[in-house]
Amino acid sequence: VSVVSGHIRGATNTLPLHVEVLYNDYESVGAFAAA
C-alpha cells in the first residue's frame, strides 16, 4: 500500500503508513499510539 498510496495525509494513508509518517516527523507519541 505504501507504493500505491502516494502518502497523502488524511486521504490515502492507512494506519501503518500513518505510523511511519508520524515517526519520521518525530511525533513519537502519536506514532506509538497508532502502533
PDB file of all heavy atoms in Angstrom:
ATOM      1  N   VAL A   1       0.822  -1.209   0.000  1.00  0.00           N
ATOM      2  CA  VAL A   1       0.000   0.000   0.000  1.00  0.00           C
ATOM      3  C   VAL A   1       0.855   1.258   0.000  1.00  0.00           C
ATOM      4  O   VAL A   1       0.422   2.314  -0.479  1.00  0.00           O
ATOM      5  CB  VAL A   1      -0.978   0.002   1.191  1.00  0.00           C
ATOM      6  CG1 VAL A   1      -1.943  -1.157   1.104  1.00  0.00           C
ATOM      7  CG2 VAL A   1      -0.241  -0.028   2.518  1.00  0.00           C
ATOM      8  N   SER A   2       2.080   1.163   0.517  1.00  0.00           N
ATOM      9  CA  SER A   2       2.969   2.320   0.506  1.00  0.00           C
ATOM     10  C   SER A   2       3.302   2.739  -0.922  1.00  0.00           C
ATOM     11  O   SER A   2       3.403   3.933  -1.227  1.00  0.00           O
ATOM     12  CB  SER A   2       4.256   2.006   1.273  1.00  0.00           C
ATOM     13  OG  SER A   2       5.150   3.089   1.239  1.00  0.00           O
ATOM     14  N   VAL A   3       3.446   1.770  -1.803  1.00  0.00           N
ATOM     15  CA  VAL A   3       3.801   2.066  -3.196  1.00  0.00           C
ATOM     16  C   VAL A   3       2.654   2.768  -3.916  1.00  0.00           C
ATOM     17  O   VAL A   3       2.871   3.693  -4.705  1.00  0.00           O
ATOM     18  CB  VAL A   3       4.192   0.770  -3.932  1.00  0.00           C
ATOM     19  CG1 VAL A   3       4.454   1.047  -5.412  1.00  0.00           C
ATOM     20  CG2 VAL A   3       5.424   0.140  -3.288  1.00  0.00           C
ATOM     21  N   VAL A   4       1.419   2.356  -3.650  1.00  0.00           N
ATOM     22  CA  VAL A   4       0.278   2.865  -4.428  1.00  0.00           C
ATOM     23  C   VAL A   4      -0.465   4.003  -3.731  1.00  0.00           C
ATOM     24  O   VAL A   4      -1.388   4.568  -4.316  1.00  0.00           O
ATOM     25  CB  VAL A   4      -0.724   1.720  -4.728  1.00  0.00           C
ATOM     26  CG1 VAL A   4      -0.052   0.617  -5.526  1.00  0.00           C
ATOM     27  CG2 VAL A   4      -1.322   1.166  -3.444  1.00  0.00           C
ATOM     28  N   SER A   5      -0.098   4.343  -2.505  1.00  0.00           N
ATOM     29  CA  SER A   5      -0.899   5.314  -1.750  1.00  0.00           C
ATOM     30  C   SER A   5      -0.577   6.765  -2.068  1.00  0.00           C
ATOM     31  O   SER A   5      -1.444   7.635  -2.022  1.00  0.00           O
ATOM     32  CB  SER A   5      -0.712   5.088  -0.245  1.00  0.00           C
ATOM     33  OG  SER A   5       0.568   5.528   0.169  1.00  0.00           O
ATOM     34  N   GLY A   6       0.704   7.054  -2.352  1.00  0.00           N
ATOM     35  CA  GLY A   6       1.109   8.439  -2.530  1.00  0.00           C
ATOM     36  C   GLY A   6       1.342   9.170  -1.223  1.00  0.00           C
ATOM     37  O   GLY A   6       1.712  10.346  -1.215  1.00  0.00           O
ATOM     38  N   HIS A   7       1.091   8.515  -0.084  1.00  0.00           N
ATOM     39  CA  HIS A   7       1.328   9.089   1.248  1.00  0.00           C
ATOM     40  C   HIS A   7       0.633  10.442   1.417  1.00  0.00           C
ATOM     41  O   HIS A   7       1.229  11.405   1.905  1.00  0.00           O
ATOM     42  CB  HIS A   7       2.821   9.233   1.517  1.00  0.00           C
ATOM     43  CG  HIS A   7       3.536   7.916   1.599  1.00  0.00           C
ATOM     44  ND1 HIS A   7       3.710   7.235   2.775  1.00  0.00           N
ATOM     45  CD2 HIS A   7       4.114   7.155   0.638  1.00  0.00           C
ATOM     46  CE1 HIS A   7       4.381   6.113   2.543  1.00  0.00           C
ATOM     47  NE2 HIS A   7       4.626   6.034   1.254  1.00  0.00           N
ATOM     48  N   ILE A   8      -0.619  10.517   1.019  1.00  0.00           N
ATOM     49  CA  ILE A   8      -1.392  11.751   1.170  1.00  0.00           C
ATOM     50  C   ILE A   8      -2.069  11.718   2.539  1.00  0.00           C
ATOM     51  O   ILE A   8      -2.988  10.928   2.774  1.00  0.00           O
ATOM     52  CB  ILE A   8      -2.439  11.892   0.053  1.00  0.00           C
ATOM     53  CG1 ILE A   8      -1.769  11.791  -1.320  1.00  0.00           C
ATOM     54  CG2 ILE A   8      -3.190  13.210   0.187  1.00  0.00           C
ATOM     55  CD1 ILE A   8      -2.744  11.709  -2.474  1.00  0.00           C
ATOM     56  N   ARG A   9      -1.620  12.566   3.441  1.00  0.00           N
ATOM     57  CA  ARG A   9      -2.146  12.544   4.809  1.00  0.00           C
ATOM     58  C   ARG A   9      -3.627  12.896   4.819  1.00  0.00           C
ATOM     59  O   ARG A   9      -4.078  13.838   4.175  1.00  0.00           O
ATOM     60  CB  ARG A   9      -1.373  13.521   5.692  1.00  0.00           C
ATOM     61  CG  ARG A   9       0.088  13.162   5.853  1.00  0.00           C
ATOM     62  CD  ARG A   9       0.817  14.088   6.809  1.00  0.00           C
ATOM     63  NE  ARG A   9       0.382  13.917   8.191  1.00  0.00           N
ATOM     64  CZ  ARG A   9       1.097  14.321   9.240  1.00  0.00           C
ATOM     65  NH1 ARG A   9       2.279  14.918   9.066  1.00  0.00           N
ATOM     66  NH2 ARG A   9       0.650  14.142  10.460  1.00  0.00           N
ATOM     67  N   GLY A  10      -4.376  12.103   5.547  1.00  0.00           N
ATOM     68  CA  GLY A  10      -5.807  12.325   5.652  1.00  0.00           C
ATOM     69  C   GLY A  10      -6.596  11.819   4.465  1.00  0.00           C
ATOM     70  O   GLY A  10      -7.822  11.936   4.460  1.00  0.00           O
ATOM     71  N   ALA A  11      -5.916  11.244   3.463  1.00  0.00           N
ATOM     72  CA  ALA A  11      -6.625  10.798   2.262  1.00  0.00           C
ATOM     73  C   ALA A  11      -6.279   9.364   1.881  1.00  0.00           C
ATOM     74  O   ALA A  11      -7.166   8.525   1.723  1.00  0.00           O
ATOM     75  CB  ALA A  11      -6.332  11.736   1.091  1.00  0.00           C
ATOM     76  N   THR A  12      -4.976   9.057   1.725  1.00  0.00           N
ATOM     77  CA  THR A  12      -4.586   7.713   1.271  1.00  0.00           C
ATOM     78  C   THR A  12      -3.641   7.015   2.241  1.00  0.00           C
ATOM     79  O   THR A  12      -3.095   5.972   1.906  1.00  0.00           O
ATOM     80  CB  THR A  12      -3.922   7.782  -0.118  1.00  0.00           C
ATOM     81  OG1 THR A  12      -2.717   8.558  -0.036  1.00  0.00           O
ATOM     82  CG2 THR A  12      -4.851   8.391  -1.149  1.00  0.00           C
ATOM     83  N   ASN A  13      -3.426   7.563   3.397  1.00  0.00           N
ATOM     84  CA  ASN A  13      -2.573   6.913   4.388  1.00  0.00           C
ATOM     85  C   ASN A  13      -3.393   5.956   5.243  1.00  0.00           C
ATOM     86  O   ASN A  13      -4.319   6.381   5.939  1.00  0.00           O
ATOM     87  CB  ASN A  13      -1.904   7.946   5.300  1.00  0.00           C
ATOM     88  CG  ASN A  13      -0.578   8.417   4.746  1.00  0.00           C
ATOM     89  OD1 ASN A  13      -0.102   7.916   3.731  1.00  0.00           O
ATOM     90  ND2 ASN A  13       0.035   9.373   5.410  1.00  0.00           N
ATOM     91  N   THR A  14      -3.052   4.681   5.181  1.00  0.00           N
ATOM     92  CA  THR A  14      -3.641   3.726   6.108  1.00  0.00           C
ATOM     93  C   THR A  14      -2.918   3.838   7.451  1.00  0.00           C
ATOM     94  O   THR A  14      -1.957   4.595   7.587  1.00  0.00           O
ATOM     95  CB  THR A  14      -3.538   2.299   5.574  1.00  0.00           C
ATOM     96  OG1 THR A  14      -2.158   1.985   5.334  1.00  0.00           O
ATOM     97  CG2 THR A  14      -4.325   2.142   4.281  1.00  0.00           C
ATOM     98  N   LEU A  15      -3.352   3.072   8.431  1.00  0.00           N
ATOM     99  CA  LEU A  15      -2.779   3.188   9.776  1.00  0.00           C
ATOM    100  C   LEU A  15      -1.278   2.861   9.804  1.00  0.00           C
ATOM    101  O   LEU A  15      -0.513   3.591  10.450  1.00  0.00           O
ATOM    102  CB  LEU A  15      -3.562   2.297  10.736  1.00  0.00           C
ATOM    103  CG  LEU A  15      -3.479   2.632  12.234  1.00  0.00           C
ATOM    104  CD1 LEU A  15      -3.792   4.100  12.483  1.00  0.00           C
ATOM    105  CD2 LEU A  15      -4.428   1.750  13.022  1.00  0.00           C
ATOM    106  N   PRO A  16      -0.801   1.800   9.143  1.00  0.00           N
ATOM    107  CA  PRO A  16       0.649   1.568   9.133  1.00  0.00           C
ATOM    108  C   PRO A  16       1.429   2.721   8.492  1.00  0.00           C
ATOM    109  O   PRO A  16       2.510   3.085   8.975  1.00  0.00           O
ATOM    110  CB  PRO A  16       0.806   0.278   8.321  1.00  0.00           C
ATOM    111  CG  PRO A  16      -0.499  -0.420   8.479  1.00  0.00           C
ATOM    112  CD  PRO A  16      -1.526   0.664   8.523  1.00  0.00           C
ATOM    113  N   LEU A  17       0.900   3.309   7.428  1.00  0.00           N
ATOM    114  CA  LEU A  17       1.575   4.441   6.791  1.00  0.00           C
ATOM    115  C   LEU A  17       1.530   5.671   7.692  1.00  0.00           C
ATOM    116  O   LEU A  17       2.476   6.470   7.714  1.00  0.00           O
ATOM    117  CB  LEU A  17       0.926   4.761   5.445  1.00  0.00           C
ATOM    118  CG  LEU A  17       0.923   3.637   4.410  1.00  0.00           C
ATOM    119  CD1 LEU A  17       0.287   4.116   3.110  1.00  0.00           C
ATOM    120  CD2 LEU A  17       2.321   3.116   4.151  1.00  0.00           C
ATOM    121  N   HIS A  18       0.439   5.821   8.429  1.00  0.00           N
ATOM    122  CA  HIS A  18       0.324   6.938   9.367  1.00  0.00           C
ATOM    123  C   HIS A  18       1.391   6.835  10.457  1.00  0.00           C
ATOM    124  O   HIS A  18       1.961   7.854  10.871  1.00  0.00           O
ATOM    125  CB  HIS A  18      -1.077   6.927   9.983  1.00  0.00           C
ATOM    126  CG  HIS A  18      -1.345   8.061  10.915  1.00  0.00           C
ATOM    127  ND1 HIS A  18      -1.366   9.378  10.511  1.00  0.00           N
ATOM    128  CD2 HIS A  18      -1.596   8.076  12.266  1.00  0.00           C
ATOM    129  CE1 HIS A  18      -1.631  10.156  11.554  1.00  0.00           C
ATOM    130  NE2 HIS A  18      -1.764   9.391  12.622  1.00  0.00           N
ATOM    131  N   VAL A  19       1.669   5.614  10.915  1.00  0.00           N
ATOM    132  CA  VAL A  19       2.718   5.411  11.908  1.00  0.00           C
ATOM    133  C   VAL A  19       4.063   5.866  11.357  1.00  0.00           C
ATOM    134  O   VAL A  19       4.834   6.570  12.041  1.00  0.00           O
ATOM    135  CB  VAL A  19       2.793   3.923  12.320  1.00  0.00           C
ATOM    136  CG1 VAL A  19       4.004   3.672  13.218  1.00  0.00           C
ATOM    137  CG2 VAL A  19       1.518   3.506  13.039  1.00  0.00           C
ATOM    138  N   GLU A  20       4.356   5.496  10.116  1.00  0.00           N
ATOM    139  CA  GLU A  20       5.641   5.886   9.513  1.00  0.00           C
ATOM    140  C   GLU A  20       5.760   7.402   9.388  1.00  0.00           C
ATOM    141  O   GLU A  20       6.807   7.987   9.708  1.00  0.00           O
ATOM    142  CB  GLU A  20       5.793   5.243   8.140  1.00  0.00           C
ATOM    143  CG  GLU A  20       7.128   5.548   7.489  1.00  0.00           C
ATOM    144  CD  GLU A  20       7.120   5.366   5.983  1.00  0.00           C
ATOM    145  OE1 GLU A  20       6.048   5.534   5.366  1.00  0.00           O
ATOM    146  OE2 GLU A  20       8.194   5.085   5.433  1.00  0.00           O
ATOM    147  N   VAL A  21       4.697   8.050   8.934  1.00  0.00           N
ATOM    148  CA  VAL A  21       4.728   9.497   8.753  1.00  0.00           C
ATOM    149  C   VAL A  21       4.985  10.204  10.086  1.00  0.00           C
ATOM    150  O   VAL A  21       5.825  11.107  10.185  1.00  0.00           O
ATOM    151  CB  VAL A  21       3.407   9.982   8.120  1.00  0.00           C
ATOM    152  CG1 VAL A  21       3.315  11.500   8.171  1.00  0.00           C
ATOM    153  CG2 VAL A  21       3.309   9.508   6.675  1.00  0.00           C
ATOM    154  N   LEU A  22       4.271   9.800  11.114  1.00  0.00           N
ATOM    155  CA  LEU A  22       4.447  10.424  12.424  1.00  0.00           C
ATOM    156  C   LEU A  22       5.839  10.164  12.987  1.00  0.00           C
ATOM    157  O   LEU A  22       6.465  11.064  13.560  1.00  0.00           O
ATOM    158  CB  LEU A  22       3.390   9.905  13.404  1.00  0.00           C
ATOM    159  CG  LEU A  22       1.938  10.302  13.124  1.00  0.00           C
ATOM    160  CD1 LEU A  22       1.013   9.690  14.170  1.00  0.00           C
ATOM    161  CD2 LEU A  22       1.771  11.813  13.098  1.00  0.00           C
ATOM    162  N   TYR A  23       6.333   8.964  12.824  1.00  0.00           N
ATOM    163  CA  TYR A  23       7.661   8.644  13.350  1.00  0.00           C
ATOM    164  C   TYR A  23       8.738   9.449  12.629  1.00  0.00           C
ATOM    165  O   TYR A  23       9.680   9.938  13.258  1.00  0.00           O
ATOM    166  CB  TYR A  23       7.927   7.145  13.204  1.00  0.00           C
ATOM    167  CG  TYR A  23       9.174   6.685  13.925  1.00  0.00           C
ATOM    168  CD1 TYR A  23       9.171   6.501  15.305  1.00  0.00           C
ATOM    169  CD2 TYR A  23      10.352   6.453  13.229  1.00  0.00           C
ATOM    170  CE1 TYR A  23      10.315   6.091  15.968  1.00  0.00           C
ATOM    171  CE2 TYR A  23      11.494   6.044  13.889  1.00  0.00           C
ATOM    172  CZ  TYR A  23      11.469   5.862  15.261  1.00  0.00           C
ATOM    173  OH  TYR A  23      12.611   5.464  15.916  1.00  0.00           O
ATOM    174  N   ASN A  24       8.595   9.595  11.303  1.00  0.00           N
ATOM    175  CA  ASN A  24       9.573  10.393  10.548  1.00  0.00           C
ATOM    176  C   ASN A  24       9.496  11.868  10.907  1.00  0.00           C
ATOM    177  O   ASN A  24      10.494  12.594  10.747  1.00  0.00           O
ATOM    178  CB  ASN A  24       9.351  10.213   9.046  1.00  0.00           C
ATOM    179  CG  ASN A  24       9.748   8.831   8.566  1.00  0.00           C
ATOM    180  OD1 ASN A  24      10.543   8.138   9.208  1.00  0.00           O
ATOM    181  ND2 ASN A  24       9.202   8.406   7.430  1.00  0.00           N
ATOM    182  N   ASP A  25       8.324  12.308  11.378  1.00  0.00           N
ATOM    183  CA  ASP A  25       8.166  13.703  11.807  1.00  0.00           C
ATOM    184  C   ASP A  25       8.487  13.894  13.290  1.00  0.00           C
ATOM    185  O   ASP A  25       8.198  14.961  13.846  1.00  0.00           O
ATOM    186  CB  ASP A  25       6.732  14.178  11.534  1.00  0.00           C
ATOM    187  CG  ASP A  25       6.446  14.344  10.054  1.00  0.00           C
ATOM    188  OD1 ASP A  25       7.420  14.412   9.282  1.00  0.00           O
ATOM    189  OD2 ASP A  25       5.267  14.390   9.677  1.00  0.00           O
ATOM    190  N   TYR A  26       9.061  12.859  13.915  1.00  0.00           N
ATOM    191  CA  TYR A  26       9.454  12.900  15.333  1.00  0.00           C
ATOM    192  C   TYR A  26       8.262  13.115  16.267  1.00  0.00           C
ATOM    193  O   TYR A  26       8.421  13.633  17.371  1.00  0.00           O
ATOM    194  CB  TYR A  26      10.504  13.989  15.579  1.00  0.00           C
ATOM    195  CG  TYR A  26      11.748  13.792  14.746  1.00  0.00           C
ATOM    196  CD1 TYR A  26      11.957  14.524  13.587  1.00  0.00           C
ATOM    197  CD2 TYR A  26      12.711  12.847  15.113  1.00  0.00           C
ATOM    198  CE1 TYR A  26      13.098  14.335  12.806  1.00  0.00           C
ATOM    199  CE2 TYR A  26      13.851  12.650  14.336  1.00  0.00           C
ATOM    200  CZ  TYR A  26      14.036  13.393  13.189  1.00  0.00           C
ATOM    201  OH  TYR A  26      15.155  13.193  12.424  1.00  0.00           O
ATOM    202  N   GLU A  27       7.075  12.704  15.821  1.00  0.00           N
ATOM    203  CA  GLU A  27       5.894  12.736  16.680  1.00  0.00           C
ATOM    204  C   GLU A  27       5.736  11.351  17.308  1.00  0.00           C
ATOM    205  O   GLU A  27       4.868  10.559  16.933  1.00  0.00           O
ATOM    206  CB  GLU A  27       4.651  13.130  15.883  1.00  0.00           C
ATOM    207  CG  GLU A  27       4.743  14.521  15.267  1.00  0.00           C
ATOM    208  CD  GLU A  27       3.494  14.868  14.465  1.00  0.00           C
ATOM    209  OE1 GLU A  27       2.411  14.343  14.802  1.00  0.00           O
ATOM    210  OE2 GLU A  27       3.607  15.652  13.502  1.00  0.00           O
ATOM    211  N   SER A  28       6.593  11.060  18.278  1.00  0.00           N
ATOM    212  CA  SER A  28       6.699   9.695  18.798  1.00  0.00           C
ATOM    213  C   SER A  28       5.436   9.239  19.525  1.00  0.00           C
ATOM    214  O   SER A  28       5.044   8.076  19.430  1.00  0.00           O
ATOM    215  CB  SER A  28       7.917   9.572  19.729  1.00  0.00           C
ATOM    216  OG  SER A  28       7.809  10.489  20.799  1.00  0.00           O
ATOM    217  N   VAL A  29       4.797  10.154  20.255  1.00  0.00           N
ATOM    218  CA  VAL A  29       3.593   9.765  20.988  1.00  0.00           C
ATOM    219  C   VAL A  29       2.506   9.319  20.023  1.00  0.00           C
ATOM    220  O   VAL A  29       1.884   8.256  20.193  1.00  0.00           O
ATOM    221  CB  VAL A  29       3.092  10.916  21.870  1.00  0.00           C
ATOM    222  CG1 VAL A  29       1.749  10.552  22.505  1.00  0.00           C
ATOM    223  CG2 VAL A  29       4.107  11.236  22.960  1.00  0.00           C
ATOM    224  N   GLY A  30       2.259  10.114  18.992  1.00  0.00           N
ATOM    225  CA  GLY A  30       1.253   9.745  18.005  1.00  0.00           C
ATOM    226  C   GLY A  30       1.616   8.484  17.259  1.00  0.00           C
ATOM    227  O   GLY A  30       0.758   7.632  16.979  1.00  0.00           O
ATOM    228  N   ALA A  31       2.907   8.328  16.912  1.00  0.00           N
ATOM    229  CA  ALA A  31       3.349   7.143  16.185  1.00  0.00           C
ATOM    230  C   ALA A  31       3.139   5.890  17.014  1.00  0.00           C
ATOM    231  O   ALA A  31       2.595   4.879  16.528  1.00  0.00           O
ATOM    232  CB  ALA A  31       4.824   7.281  15.799  1.00  0.00           C
ATOM    233  N   PHE A  32       3.554   5.933  18.284  1.00  0.00           N
ATOM    234  CA  PHE A  32       3.401   4.745  19.126  1.00  0.00           C
ATOM    235  C   PHE A  32       1.943   4.513  19.527  1.00  0.00           C
ATOM    236  O   PHE A  32       1.548   3.368  19.771  1.00  0.00           O
ATOM    237  CB  PHE A  32       4.297   4.849  20.357  1.00  0.00           C
ATOM    238  CG  PHE A  32       5.733   4.527  20.078  1.00  0.00           C
ATOM    239  CD1 PHE A  32       6.685   5.526  19.984  1.00  0.00           C
ATOM    240  CD2 PHE A  32       6.127   3.210  19.890  1.00  0.00           C
ATOM    241  CE1 PHE A  32       8.014   5.227  19.720  1.00  0.00           C
ATOM    242  CE2 PHE A  32       7.451   2.895  19.628  1.00  0.00           C
ATOM    243  CZ  PHE A  32       8.402   3.903  19.535  1.00  0.00           C
ATOM    244  N   ALA A  33       1.161   5.585  19.589  1.00  0.00           N
ATOM    245  CA  ALA A  33      -0.267   5.404  19.859  1.00  0.00           C
ATOM    246  C   ALA A  33      -0.932   4.638  18.722  1.00  0.00           C
ATOM    247  O   ALA A  33      -1.699   3.694  18.950  1.00  0.00           O
ATOM    248  CB  ALA A  33      -0.940   6.758  20.054  1.00  0.00           C
ATOM    249  N   ALA A  34      -0.639   5.039  17.479  1.00  0.00           N
ATOM    250  CA  ALA A  34      -1.192   4.330  16.323  1.00  0.00           C
ATOM    251  C   ALA A  34      -0.641   2.909  16.256  1.00  0.00           C
ATOM    252  O   ALA A  34      -1.366   1.968  15.926  1.00  0.00           O
ATOM    253  CB  ALA A  34      -0.865   5.093  15.045  1.00  0.00           C
ATOM    254  N   ALA A  35       0.649   2.750  16.576  1.00  0.00           N
ATOM    255  CA  ALA A  35       1.242   1.411  16.565  1.00  0.00           C
ATOM    256  C   ALA A  35       0.609   0.521  17.631  1.00  0.00           C
ATOM    257  O   ALA A  35       0.398  -0.684  17.401  1.00  0.00           O
ATOM    258  CB  ALA A  35       2.749   1.515  16.792  1.00  0.00           C
TER     259      ALA A  35
END
